[in-house]
Amino acid sequence: MTERVEKSASTHPPRWRGALAFAVMIAAVVLTYVSPELFRGKWRLEGLDYTLLHERRIDFALEQIKATGAIPAWYPREQFGVPFWSNVQSFPFIPTRLALLPVGAANLFTFAVNLSAILAATFTFLLARRLGIGAVGAGVAGYTFACCGYFASRVLAGQLGMLEAYPALPMLLWIVERLATAPPGRSAALWTAALSLASGSFALSAHPQLSIYALAAAAGYALFRCGLRRVVLVGLAMLLGVGLAGFSLYPMVKLLARSSRVLSLDPPANDIAMPYRRLMTMLLPWRDGAPQSVRKPAGVGPVTREYPSNVYFWDTVSYIGWLPVAAPAVLLGWALWTHRRPTKPAVYFILLAVVSLLLALPLARDALPPLPFVVLRSPARLMYLVGFALALAAGAMLDVLLAIRALRAAVAAAVALLVAAHALDLSRHARCYVKASPETIRFPEGYDAQIRAFVGDGRAAFDVNMNIELNRRIDDIGFFDSIMLAGTYRGFIDLAGVSPRLNVQDMNGGELPASALEACAVRLVMTAAKRPEPPTQRGEVYSVYTFPNAAARVAWFGRLIERMDAPATSDAMRNRTVDLRNRLLLPPDAPRVSEEGTTPRMLEPLTIRHRRPGPDRIEIPVDVPEPGYVRVLESFDMGWSATVDGAPAAVVPAHNMAMAVPVPAGKHEVVLQFRTPGRRAGIWISLISLKLLASLCGLTWRAPFRGKTAG
């Protein structure tokens, strides 16, 4: 990454050296992430969030694909139901995820970890070679980026979305570098298409934060590396690539606009700037301790009390080894000694690391004005860019050392020792986050069937961390998500009686009071929490509680109807002044029925059996004595539409969070159908972007961007 390093690419060293370095690098990466219990038959890797979140949603998606051949729009198995298609964290369309679906939900995480690590190492290696770094340096850079603490810690954390997006930075930078030096015409057109497709693919990731960082870094690199025309070409290609993902991103944007992200809540617990103290862990990774789940070295205690929770640990692991941290100083000293000026790529990566580090620290958050809504959480994640720049610096430093002509054999031996020590150190640290996946807890034969029969069409409440097959195979009132419908989330914290500004992304149903559970149609709770009610069954860890008087999932109300605005409804739910099992709360502007508010009939509310042929459709045959409302305990959202005997009907919010449909007296067929808001417009955005990309590539093929290329 200096003039000498860049020119060294023209010496054409034997290809076998590059191939050997690449093969050794990939082998080292794969060995780093092998299960420590492989020879005991436990080859799957443990991922905490994967087990609690991703695996269950992948399993749901595969179940629906097998049954209907399509991805569902709605996910009924958590909270009151949430959008599925439009939530990229539920089911992203990133190609690496789609390619691995055939291996099944239980196996996908292990394959995904290895695939992401290999891709990250490969494209870092290719970029380093393209920048003129030798085979050994490129191999070290690739291994460092793929096995540093930032990636390895997220393996045990199970943050599949971040792991899938991790290769975006080296891949996009490599493609931009190729496009910057591509001759006009066919070559430039092909690299333009590659950049657009790669940008669109990573824009589809379940954790778009790293993808946004990578896209911004690649665009900035183009400004440093390319002439004006190529900069325009890069910008258009990336913009159209994001447009290709419009079929998923546009519905996601519409979901964010009606999600808990727009509520006035306390800062989320995982919105963390990089603490100054944690910078020392780039050299001393265990100085602040580690959570119990980490296979930490002997003598390392729990996370220091200086941090409010373990979240600070997981979001700030940035260990990359001593060699990369020392590399910038060595390269600077070498440049001053030889009076060589750094190349444009070198200047860019220096600026990238410095700016990213400054933005990751608390000083940037203190200096910048706060946004009224949450877009990208946790500035500490910008250490992703810092780590990548340091990995390249390590490769460049080794290349400089290997170029020393005096005492070449001794220098080569010293470099070999440095590389071996660095690889051993980094792998030992990474292996602390590699564990075999625990076995699923299995109940005695027939117990699952008993639970299903008791719950029926109601809901259950299992602790989210219970590793049992039934968890999220029965509709559950609990949730674990960072994007929730605003009305449903607000209703939950009202029912729970907690602070109206509480900002959490997980809640177990077992934490809710009995009145809230019964109002939400919860008939069975299995929890480790101690509840005031006597348990039906008591276990060593988990106990079972039953609520036979829970509300019906679908019920008819004729007269037990009250009208309140949203704040009054919220107060009634929070203060428990209304029994929501037997009372329907509607907004003042909901259509009126003739007898509401008068003396109720003895059968009111009337439980109604319903059919659910799929997650997106609810069929309700009714036979009611007078006009009223059918209440459905499912999240109200703009994507739901209703028909009564085939004619459109209103869907109004009940209790601020559920749904109600007005029906006349007599026999009728009520159908509720969910369609993803923005899906059709998103598909059109993707099609238009594809057409424009084809036109751009066609124009580039005919070389309108002919001009000076980077060299």
Foldseek 3Di string as FASTA:
>chain_A
DFPVLQVLLVVCDPVVLLVVLLVVLLVLLVVLQFAPCVVVVQGAWAAQVLLLAALLLLQVQVVCCVVPVDGDQWAQFEAQIFGQLQQLLSPFPQPLQVVQSVVHSRRSLSVLLSVLLSLLLVLQLLQLVNSRFDSNLSSQLSNLLSQAQLSLLNSRNNPSLCSNLLSLQSVLLNLLSQLLFPAFAQSNLVSLLVNLQSLLSSCRGNACPSSVVNLVLSLVLNVLFHDPLSSVSNVLSNVLSVLLNLLRNVLNVVLQVQWQQLDQFDDELLQAFQEPVLVCCLEVVQPQAADPSFLDDPPRHHGHVVRVDRSNSSLQRGHRYPLLVCLVVLVVVVCVVVVTDGDSVLVSLVVLLVVLNVQRHVVVVVPDDDDSGDDDGHSSNSSSSNSSSSSSSSSNSLSVQCPDPPPNVVSVVVSVVVSVVSSVVSSVVSSSSTHRHDDADDDPPPPVVVVCVQLPLFEAWEASSRRHPCNSVGRHSWFAAQIGRNLSVQLVCLQQLDDSNDHDRTDTPVSGDPLSCLLLRYFKYWAQDDDPDDFPADDPRITMHGDNNRAAQKWWADAQEDEDALVVLSNCSNVVVDRNSQHWYFHPPDDDFDRYNDDGDPCPGPHFDWDDPDSFKIKTKDAAAFKTKMWGSHFDDPQKWKDKQNHTWDWGDISSTTTITIDGHGIIMMMIGGDSPCSVVSNVSSVVSVVVSVVSSVVSNVPPSRDDRGD
